[in-house]
Amino acid sequence: MDEHPRAPRRRTLKAGTIEFGGGGIDCTVRNISETGAALEVNTPLFIPDRFTLFVPTEQLKRRCRVVWRKEKRIGVTFD
């Protein structure tokens, strides 16, 4: 049994920006919930463990912490 149930995630395909250190990296939000998201990136290298996710079409700006990294995707939880 999962001790930390995830909030229901909804699939999406929205452009976003991973903002840190005065700059940004483009990403695609693949799914999102109240507690986190899965982001598609060109490479997960050079992306810090903490950053701000900005999704202009949703007027969303949230502080994030990376919880997993795969080839071209990262999973984040919102602070």
C-alpha atoms as a PDB file:
ATOM      1  CA  MET A   1       0.000   0.000   0.000  1.00  0.00           C
ATOM      2  CA  ASP A   2       1.362   3.441  -0.907  1.00  0.00           C
ATOM      3  CA  GLU A   3       1.965   5.502   2.235  1.00  0.00           C
ATOM      4  CA  HIS A   4       2.029   8.740   0.226  1.00  0.00           C
ATOM      5  CA  PRO A   5      -0.914   8.686  -2.157  1.00  0.00           C
ATOM      6  CA  ARG A   6      -0.467  10.961  -5.152  1.00  0.00           C
ATOM      7  CA  ALA A   7      -3.033  13.566  -5.992  1.00  0.00           C
ATOM      8  CA  PRO A   8      -4.866  12.687  -9.231  1.00  0.00           C
ATOM      9  CA  ARG A   9      -2.866  13.958 -12.195  1.00  0.00           C
ATOM     10  CA  ARG A  10      -4.442  15.157 -15.392  1.00  0.00           C
ATOM     11  CA  ARG A  11      -2.721  14.760 -18.722  1.00  0.00           C
ATOM     12  CA  THR A  12      -1.815  17.931 -20.508  1.00  0.00           C
ATOM     13  CA  LEU A  13       0.480  19.229 -23.224  1.00  0.00           C
ATOM     14  CA  LYS A  14       1.373  22.794 -22.279  1.00  0.00           C
ATOM     15  CA  ALA A  15       4.481  24.874 -22.846  1.00  0.00           C
ATOM     16  CA  GLY A  16       6.335  25.901 -19.721  1.00  0.00           C
ATOM     17  CA  THR A  17       9.603  27.385 -18.526  1.00  0.00           C
ATOM     18  CA  ILE A  18      11.923  26.056 -15.830  1.00  0.00           C
ATOM     19  CA  GLU A  19      13.254  29.254 -14.251  1.00  0.00           C
ATOM     20  CA  PHE A  20      16.419  29.435 -12.137  1.00  0.00           C
ATOM     21  CA  GLY A  21      19.476  31.620 -11.744  1.00  0.00           C
ATOM     22  CA  GLY A  22      17.997  34.481 -13.773  1.00  0.00           C
ATOM     23  CA  GLY A  23      17.445  32.297 -16.862  1.00  0.00           C
ATOM     24  CA  GLY A  24      15.101  29.617 -18.125  1.00  0.00           C
ATOM     25  CA  ILE A  25      14.824  26.315 -19.962  1.00  0.00           C
ATOM     26  CA  ASP A  26      11.802  25.455 -22.104  1.00  0.00           C
ATOM     27  CA  CYS A  27       9.780  22.401 -21.140  1.00  0.00           C
ATOM     28  CA  THR A  28       6.476  20.701 -21.856  1.00  0.00           C
ATOM     29  CA  VAL A  29       4.118  19.913 -18.980  1.00  0.00           C
ATOM     30  CA  ARG A  30       2.917  16.343 -19.651  1.00  0.00           C
ATOM     31  CA  ASN A  31       0.745  15.921 -16.556  1.00  0.00           C
ATOM     32  CA  ILE A  32      -0.073  18.015 -13.523  1.00  0.00           C
ATOM     33  CA  SER A  33      -1.878  17.827 -10.180  1.00  0.00           C
ATOM     34  CA  GLU A  34      -2.276  19.981  -7.104  1.00  0.00           C
ATOM     35  CA  THR A  35       0.956  18.539  -5.711  1.00  0.00           C
ATOM     36  CA  GLY A  36       3.289  18.106  -8.688  1.00  0.00           C
ATOM     37  CA  ALA A  37       3.923  17.562 -12.389  1.00  0.00           C
ATOM     38  CA  ALA A  38       5.848  15.583 -14.985  1.00  0.00           C
ATOM     39  CA  LEU A  39       7.904  17.743 -17.330  1.00  0.00           C
ATOM     40  CA  GLU A  40       9.457  16.834 -20.673  1.00  0.00           C
ATOM     41  CA  VAL A  41      12.807  18.478 -21.379  1.00  0.00           C
ATOM     42  CA  ASN A  42      15.540  18.182 -24.018  1.00  0.00           C
ATOM     43  CA  THR A  43      17.895  16.945 -21.311  1.00  0.00           C
ATOM     44  CA  PRO A  44      17.481  16.717 -17.536  1.00  0.00           C
ATOM     45  CA  LEU A  45      21.157  17.624 -17.127  1.00  0.00           C
ATOM     46  CA  PHE A  46      21.942  21.100 -15.786  1.00  0.00           C
ATOM     47  CA  ILE A  47      18.454  21.454 -14.258  1.00  0.00           C
ATOM     48  CA  PRO A  48      18.853  22.143 -10.539  1.00  0.00           C
ATOM     49  CA  ASP A  49      16.990  20.198  -7.837  1.00  0.00           C
ATOM     50  CA  ARG A  50      14.889  23.293  -7.045  1.00  0.00           C
ATOM     51  CA  PHE A  51      13.448  25.822  -9.488  1.00  0.00           C
ATOM     52  CA  THR A  52      10.301  27.758 -10.425  1.00  0.00           C
ATOM     53  CA  LEU A  53       7.915  26.357 -13.036  1.00  0.00           C
ATOM     54  CA  PHE A  54       6.070  28.947 -15.119  1.00  0.00           C
ATOM     55  CA  VAL A  55       3.150  27.927 -17.372  1.00  0.00           C
ATOM     56  CA  PRO A  56       1.818  31.101 -19.035  1.00  0.00           C
ATOM     57  CA  THR A  57      -1.430  29.626 -20.430  1.00  0.00           C
ATOM     58  CA  GLU A  58      -2.436  28.526 -16.915  1.00  0.00           C
ATOM     59  CA  GLN A  59      -1.124  31.650 -15.155  1.00  0.00           C
ATOM     60  CA  LEU A  60       0.821  29.151 -13.019  1.00  0.00           C
ATOM     61  CA  LYS A  61       4.069  29.933 -11.236  1.00  0.00           C
ATOM     62  CA  ARG A  62       5.138  27.390  -8.613  1.00  0.00           C
ATOM     63  CA  ARG A  63       8.332  26.556  -6.726  1.00  0.00           C
ATOM     64  CA  CYS A  64       9.335  22.954  -7.461  1.00  0.00           C
ATOM     65  CA  ARG A  65      11.606  20.222  -6.160  1.00  0.00           C
ATOM     66  CA  VAL A  66      12.775  17.431  -8.476  1.00  0.00           C
ATOM     67  CA  VAL A  67      11.814  13.964  -7.177  1.00  0.00           C
ATOM     68  CA  TRP A  68      12.889  11.862 -10.176  1.00  0.00           C
ATOM     69  CA  ARG A  69      14.784  12.168 -13.469  1.00  0.00           C
ATOM     70  CA  LYS A  70      14.596   9.979 -16.568  1.00  0.00           C
ATOM     71  CA  GLU A  71      15.953  10.373 -20.113  1.00  0.00           C
ATOM     72  CA  LYS A  72      13.904  13.381 -21.185  1.00  0.00           C
ATOM     73  CA  ARG A  73      11.513  13.753 -18.282  1.00  0.00           C
ATOM     74  CA  ILE A  74      11.618  14.987 -14.718  1.00  0.00           C
ATOM     75  CA  GLY A  75       9.039  14.639 -11.978  1.00  0.00           C
ATOM     76  CA  VAL A  76       8.536  17.494  -9.549  1.00  0.00           C
ATOM     77  CA  THR A  77       6.616  18.159  -6.398  1.00  0.00           C
ATOM     78  CA  PHE A  78       5.366  21.660  -5.632  1.00  0.00           C
ATOM     79  CA  ASP A  79       6.719  23.400  -2.518  1.00  0.00           C
END
